[in-house]
C-alpha atoms as a PDB file:
ATOM      1  CA  GLU A   1      15.836  47.356  40.231  1.00  0.00           C
ATOM      2  CA  GLY A   2      17.222  47.571  44.275  1.00  0.00           C
ATOM      3  CA  LYS A   3      18.632  43.219  43.995  1.00  0.00           C
ATOM      4  CA  GLN A   4      22.134  42.262  44.292  1.00  0.00           C
ATOM      5  CA  VAL A   5      24.813  41.272  41.924  1.00  0.00           C
ATOM      6  CA  TYR A   6      27.805  39.551  42.414  1.00  0.00           C
ATOM      7  CA  LEU A   7      30.734  39.143  40.273  1.00  0.00           C
ATOM      8  CA  ARG A   8      32.798  35.589  41.400  1.00  0.00           C
ATOM      9  CA  HIS A   9      35.231  33.761  40.060  1.00  0.00           C
ATOM     10  CA  THR A  10      34.451  30.997  37.353  1.00  0.00           C
ATOM     11  CA  LEU A  11      35.585  27.666  39.168  1.00  0.00           C
ATOM     12  CA  THR A  12      35.897  28.611  42.890  1.00  0.00           C
ATOM     13  CA  PRO A  13      32.933  30.313  45.152  1.00  0.00           C
ATOM     14  CA  GLU A  14      35.322  33.168  45.572  1.00  0.00           C
ATOM     15  CA  THR A  15      33.575  37.073  44.736  1.00  0.00           C
ATOM     16  CA  TYR A  16      35.834  39.673  44.020  1.00  0.00           C
ATOM     17  CA  ASP A  17      32.787  42.396  44.068  1.00  0.00           C
ATOM     18  CA  SER A  18      29.619  43.364  44.732  1.00  0.00           C
ATOM     19  CA  THR A  19      26.443  45.930  43.967  1.00  0.00           C
ATOM     20  CA  ILE A  20      23.059  46.797  44.050  1.00  0.00           C
ATOM     21  CA  VAL A  21      21.273  47.858  40.863  1.00  0.00           C
ATOM     22  CA  LYS A  22      20.206  51.106  40.842  1.00  0.00           C
ATOM     23  CA  ASN A  23      18.182  52.800  37.724  1.00  0.00           C
ATOM     24  CA  GLY A  24      18.755  49.699  35.825  1.00  0.00           C
ATOM     25  CA  THR A  25      22.736  50.068  36.170  1.00  0.00           C
ATOM     26  CA  PHE A  26      25.302  48.357  38.230  1.00  0.00           C
ATOM     27  CA  ARG A  27      29.228  48.850  38.326  1.00  0.00           C
ATOM     28  CA  PHE A  28      32.495  46.941  39.519  1.00  0.00           C
ATOM     29  CA  ALA A  29      35.629  48.766  39.927  1.00  0.00           C
ATOM     30  CA  LEU A  30      38.137  45.879  39.229  1.00  0.00           C
ATOM     31  CA  GLY A  31      41.251  48.037  39.320  1.00  0.00           C
ATOM     32  CA  GLU A  32      44.072  46.826  36.886  1.00  0.00           C
ATOM     33  CA  THR A  33      42.768  43.655  36.645  1.00  0.00           C
ATOM     34  CA  SER A  34      43.978  42.145  33.595  1.00  0.00           C
ATOM     35  CA  PRO A  35      40.871  40.767  31.077  1.00  0.00           C
ATOM     36  CA  GLY A  36      39.037  37.218  32.037  1.00  0.00           C
ATOM     37  CA  VAL A  37      36.463  35.933  32.839  1.00  0.00           C
ATOM     38  CA  SER A  38      34.296  36.273  35.972  1.00  0.00           C
ATOM     39  CA  LEU A  39      30.644  35.231  36.548  1.00  0.00           C
ATOM     40  CA  LEU A  40      27.751  37.451  37.116  1.00  0.00           C
ATOM     41  CA  VAL A  41      24.934  36.121  39.327  1.00  0.00           C
ATOM     42  CA  LEU A  42      21.862  38.485  40.239  1.00  0.00           C
ATOM     43  CA  LYS A  43      20.063  37.214  42.908  1.00  0.00           C
ATOM     44  CA  ALA A  44      16.489  38.399  43.675  1.00  0.00           C
ATOM     45  CA  SER A  45      17.292  38.096  47.576  1.00  0.00           C
ATOM     46  CA  SER A  46      19.808  37.323  50.039  1.00  0.00           C
ATOM     47  CA  ASP A  47      18.718  33.475  50.433  1.00  0.00           C
ATOM     48  CA  ASP A  48      17.523  33.292  46.748  1.00  0.00           C
ATOM     49  CA  LEU A  49      18.495  29.462  45.813  1.00  0.00           C
ATOM     50  CA  PHE A  50      17.968  30.153  41.756  1.00  0.00           C
ATOM     51  CA  PRO A  51      20.118  33.096  41.060  1.00  0.00           C
ATOM     52  CA  ILE A  52      20.673  34.454  37.461  1.00  0.00           C
ATOM     53  CA  THR A  53      24.371  33.507  36.591  1.00  0.00           C
ATOM     54  CA  LEU A  54      26.216  34.338  33.657  1.00  0.00           C
ATOM     55  CA  PRO A  55      29.625  34.523  32.313  1.00  0.00           C
ATOM     56  CA  VAL A  56      30.932  37.713  31.487  1.00  0.00           C
ATOM     57  CA  ALA A  57      34.635  39.097  30.474  1.00  0.00           C
ATOM     58  CA  THR A  58      35.838  41.380  32.931  1.00  0.00           C
ATOM     59  CA  GLU A  59      38.048  43.725  30.556  1.00  0.00           C
ATOM     60  CA  LYS A  60      38.327  48.360  30.203  1.00  0.00           C
ATOM     61  CA  GLY A  61      35.346  48.708  28.839  1.00  0.00           C
ATOM     62  CA  THR A  62      31.160  49.484  29.287  1.00  0.00           C
ATOM     63  CA  VAL A  63      29.795  46.180  29.604  1.00  0.00           C
ATOM     64  CA  LYS A  64      25.923  46.070  28.493  1.00  0.00           C
ATOM     65  CA  VAL A  65      23.971  43.155  30.313  1.00  0.00           C
ATOM     66  CA  SER A  66      20.690  42.023  29.489  1.00  0.00           C
ATOM     67  CA  LEU A  67      18.147  40.360  31.437  1.00  0.00           C
ATOM     68  CA  GLY A  68      15.277  39.573  29.910  1.00  0.00           C
ATOM     69  CA  GLU A  69      14.000  36.387  27.703  1.00  0.00           C
ATOM     70  CA  LEU A  70      17.256  36.377  26.533  1.00  0.00           C
ATOM     71  CA  VAL A  71      19.971  37.012  28.959  1.00  0.00           C
ATOM     72  CA  PHE A  72      23.590  37.946  27.459  1.00  0.00           C
ATOM     73  CA  THR A  73      26.504  40.638  27.628  1.00  0.00           C
ATOM     74  CA  SER A  74      27.696  42.773  25.208  1.00  0.00           C
ATOM     75  CA  GLY A  75      29.961  45.695  24.646  1.00  0.00           C
ATOM     76  CA  THR A  76      33.794  44.775  24.420  1.00  0.00           C
ATOM     77  CA  ALA A  77      35.331  42.313  22.048  1.00  0.00           C
ATOM     78  CA  LEU A  78      35.730  39.685  24.652  1.00  0.00           C
ATOM     79  CA  ASN A  79      31.931  39.843  25.664  1.00  0.00           C
ATOM     80  CA  ASP A  80      31.066  39.879  22.174  1.00  0.00           C
ATOM     81  CA  LYS A  81      33.176  36.850  21.267  1.00  0.00           C
ATOM     82  CA  LEU A  82      31.933  34.856  24.538  1.00  0.00           C
ATOM     83  CA  GLN A  83      28.265  35.267  23.736  1.00  0.00           C
ATOM     84  CA  ASP A  84      29.408  34.003  20.107  1.00  0.00           C
ATOM     85  CA  PHE A  85      30.584  30.812  22.124  1.00  0.00           C
ATOM     86  CA  LEU A  86      27.316  30.765  23.865  1.00  0.00           C
ATOM     87  CA  LEU A  87      24.870  31.348  21.410  1.00  0.00           C
ATOM     88  CA  ALA A  88      26.659  28.509  19.331  1.00  0.00           C
ATOM     89  CA  VAL A  89      26.087  26.120  22.838  1.00  0.00           C
ATOM     90  CA  ASP A  90      22.667  27.362  22.594  1.00  0.00           C
ATOM     91  CA  ARG A  91      22.114  26.438  18.829  1.00  0.00           C
ATOM     92  CA  PHE A  92      23.839  23.213  19.178  1.00  0.00           C
ATOM     93  CA  SER A  93      21.689  22.070  21.780  1.00  0.00           C
ATOM     94  CA  ASP A  94      18.344  23.185  20.303  1.00  0.00           C
ATOM     95  CA  GLU A  95      19.522  21.292  16.807  1.00  0.00           C
ATOM     96  CA  MET A  96      20.452  18.118  18.488  1.00  0.00           C
ATOM     97  CA  GLY A  97      17.361  18.022  20.573  1.00  0.00           C
ATOM     98  CA  LYS A  98      15.536  18.188  17.146  1.00  0.00           C
ATOM     99  CA  LYS A  99      17.598  15.585  15.256  1.00  0.00           C
ATOM    100  CA  GLY A 100      17.227  12.794  18.261  1.00  0.00           C
ATOM    101  CA  GLU A 101      20.879  11.650  17.841  1.00  0.00           C
ATOM    102  CA  ASN A 102      22.166   9.409  19.705  1.00  0.00           C
ATOM    103  CA  GLN A 103      24.386  10.253  22.972  1.00  0.00           C
ATOM    104  CA  GLU A 104      27.851   9.237  21.415  1.00  0.00           C
ATOM    105  CA  LYS A 105      27.323  11.352  18.304  1.00  0.00           C
ATOM    106  CA  ILE A 106      26.014  14.398  20.541  1.00  0.00           C
ATOM    107  CA  ARG A 107      28.777  14.000  22.648  1.00  0.00           C
ATOM    108  CA  LYS A 108      31.399  13.970  19.607  1.00  0.00           C
ATOM    109  CA  ASP A 109      29.713  16.897  18.042  1.00  0.00           C
ATOM    110  CA  PHE A 110      29.956  18.896  21.182  1.00  0.00           C
ATOM    111  CA  SER A 111      33.626  17.969  21.898  1.00  0.00           C
ATOM    112  CA  SER A 112      33.894  19.326  18.594  1.00  0.00           C
ATOM    113  CA  LEU A 113      32.356  22.679  18.946  1.00  0.00           C
ATOM    114  CA  LEU A 114      34.534  23.344  22.316  1.00  0.00           C
ATOM    115  CA  GLU A 115      37.474  22.342  20.452  1.00  0.00           C
ATOM    116  CA  SER A 116      37.023  24.663  17.735  1.00  0.00           C
ATOM    117  CA  SER A 117      35.822  27.011  19.684  1.00  0.00           C
ATOM    118  CA  ILE A 118      39.013  26.843  22.084  1.00  0.00           C
ATOM    119  CA  LEU A 119      41.026  27.456  18.752  1.00  0.00           C
ATOM    120  CA  GLN A 120      39.188  30.311  17.056  1.00  0.00           C
ATOM    121  CA  ASN A 121      39.959  31.980  20.853  1.00  0.00           C
ATOM    122  CA  ARG A 122      43.216  30.463  21.719  1.00  0.00           C
ATOM    123  CA  ASP A 123      44.799  34.250  21.787  1.00  0.00           C
ATOM    124  CA  ASN A 124      42.229  35.480  24.663  1.00  0.00           C
ATOM    125  CA  GLU A 125      40.661  34.688  27.686  1.00  0.00           C
ATOM    126  CA  VAL A 126      37.442  33.456  26.220  1.00  0.00           C
ATOM    127  CA  GLY A 127      39.653  30.140  24.478  1.00  0.00           C
ATOM    128  CA  VAL A 128      40.993  29.888  28.014  1.00  0.00           C
ATOM    129  CA  TYR A 129      37.326  30.354  29.791  1.00  0.00           C
ATOM    130  CA  ILE A 130      35.575  27.025  27.775  1.00  0.00           C
ATOM    131  CA  PHE A 131      38.588  25.014  28.191  1.00  0.00           C
ATOM    132  CA  ARG A 132      38.648  25.337  31.779  1.00  0.00           C
ATOM    133  CA  ASN A 133      35.288  25.129  32.469  1.00  0.00           C
ATOM    134  CA  TYR A 134      34.260  22.559  29.243  1.00  0.00           C
ATOM    135  CA  GLY A 135      37.668  20.572  29.530  1.00  0.00           C
ATOM    136  CA  SER A 136      36.037  17.712  31.805  1.00  0.00           C
ATOM    137  CA  ARG A 137      34.715  16.715  28.024  1.00  0.00           C
ATOM    138  CA  PHE A 138      38.209  16.034  26.419  1.00  0.00           C
ATOM    139  CA  THR A 139      40.243  12.877  27.499  1.00  0.00           C
ATOM    140  CA  PRO A 140      43.612  13.779  28.392  1.00  0.00           C
ATOM    141  CA  GLU A 141      44.780  13.186  24.978  1.00  0.00           C
ATOM    142  CA  GLN A 142      42.631  15.656  22.947  1.00  0.00           C
ATOM    143  CA  LYS A 143      43.623  18.249  26.020  1.00  0.00           C
ATOM    144  CA  SER A 144      47.370  17.724  24.940  1.00  0.00           C
ATOM    145  CA  ASP A 145      46.892  18.452  21.456  1.00  0.00           C
ATOM    146  CA  ILE A 146      44.497  21.316  21.891  1.00  0.00           C
ATOM    147  CA  MET A 147      46.956  23.268  23.753  1.00  0.00           C
ATOM    148  CA  ASP A 148      49.836  22.262  21.429  1.00  0.00           C
ATOM    149  CA  ARG A 149      47.479  23.620  18.631  1.00  0.00           C
ATOM    150  CA  ALA A 150      46.649  26.629  20.776  1.00  0.00           C
ATOM    151  CA  GLY A 151      50.249  27.775  21.264  1.00  0.00           C
ATOM    152  CA  GLU A 152      52.465  29.360  24.258  1.00  0.00           C
ATOM    153  CA  TRP A 153      50.385  32.347  25.392  1.00  0.00           C
ATOM    154  CA  PHE A 154      47.378  29.794  25.477  1.00  0.00           C
ATOM    155  CA  ILE A 155      49.763  27.276  27.688  1.00  0.00           C
ATOM    156  CA  LYS A 156      51.154  29.741  29.657  1.00  0.00           C
ATOM    157  CA  ARG A 157      47.347  31.499  30.390  1.00  0.00           C
ATOM    158  CA  ILE A 158      46.589  27.682  31.371  1.00  0.00           C
ATOM    159  CA  GLU A 159      49.304  27.173  33.474  1.00  0.00           C
ATOM    160  CA  GLU A 160      48.931  30.064  35.167  1.00  0.00           C
ATOM    161  CA  THR A 161      45.121  29.589  36.168  1.00  0.00           C
ATOM    162  CA  ASN A 162      46.150  26.148  37.323  1.00  0.00           C
ATOM    163  CA  ASN A 163      48.188  27.995  40.157  1.00  0.00           C
END
C-alpha cells in the first residue's frame, strides 16, 4: 500500500508509466500499444536498491499481480504463458540444484528448455521476450536455427525490436 510501481522496458531503463498502489490495486494506461513484455518494478521507497521486479505481458485486459511468498502475474493469455515459462525455469533450477549436475550439462539442458519455450511461443510476444532476454545463452548458429524454425512472424518481431 502506498508503494510506487513502474512499468519499464525489459532491455533499457526506459519507464513507460508509474503509479502508486492504492487499496491493493494499481492501473497503467498504455493506450493502443501492441502487446509485449515489460518489467513491473515495485519499490518500497524511492531509493530502494532491491525492488521487486517481474516480467509482465502488456496486453488488453486485467492483469492480476500477486506479491507474496510467490510473485507472479495472471489474468490474460500472454501472462499465463509467461508464467508457465517462468515456473518452468524455477522448476529447472530446483531440479538441477538437487541433482548436482555439472555446469556443461546444466548449460545444455537450460538451452534446450529455452529453445523449446521459444518455439512453443513463436507466435506471440512471450517467445520474443525469451529470445531477446535469454539469447545470450545461444551460439550464433543456435540463434539462426531457432529463428528459421520460428518462422516469419517471429523473425519480423525480432527485427522490429532490434531497431
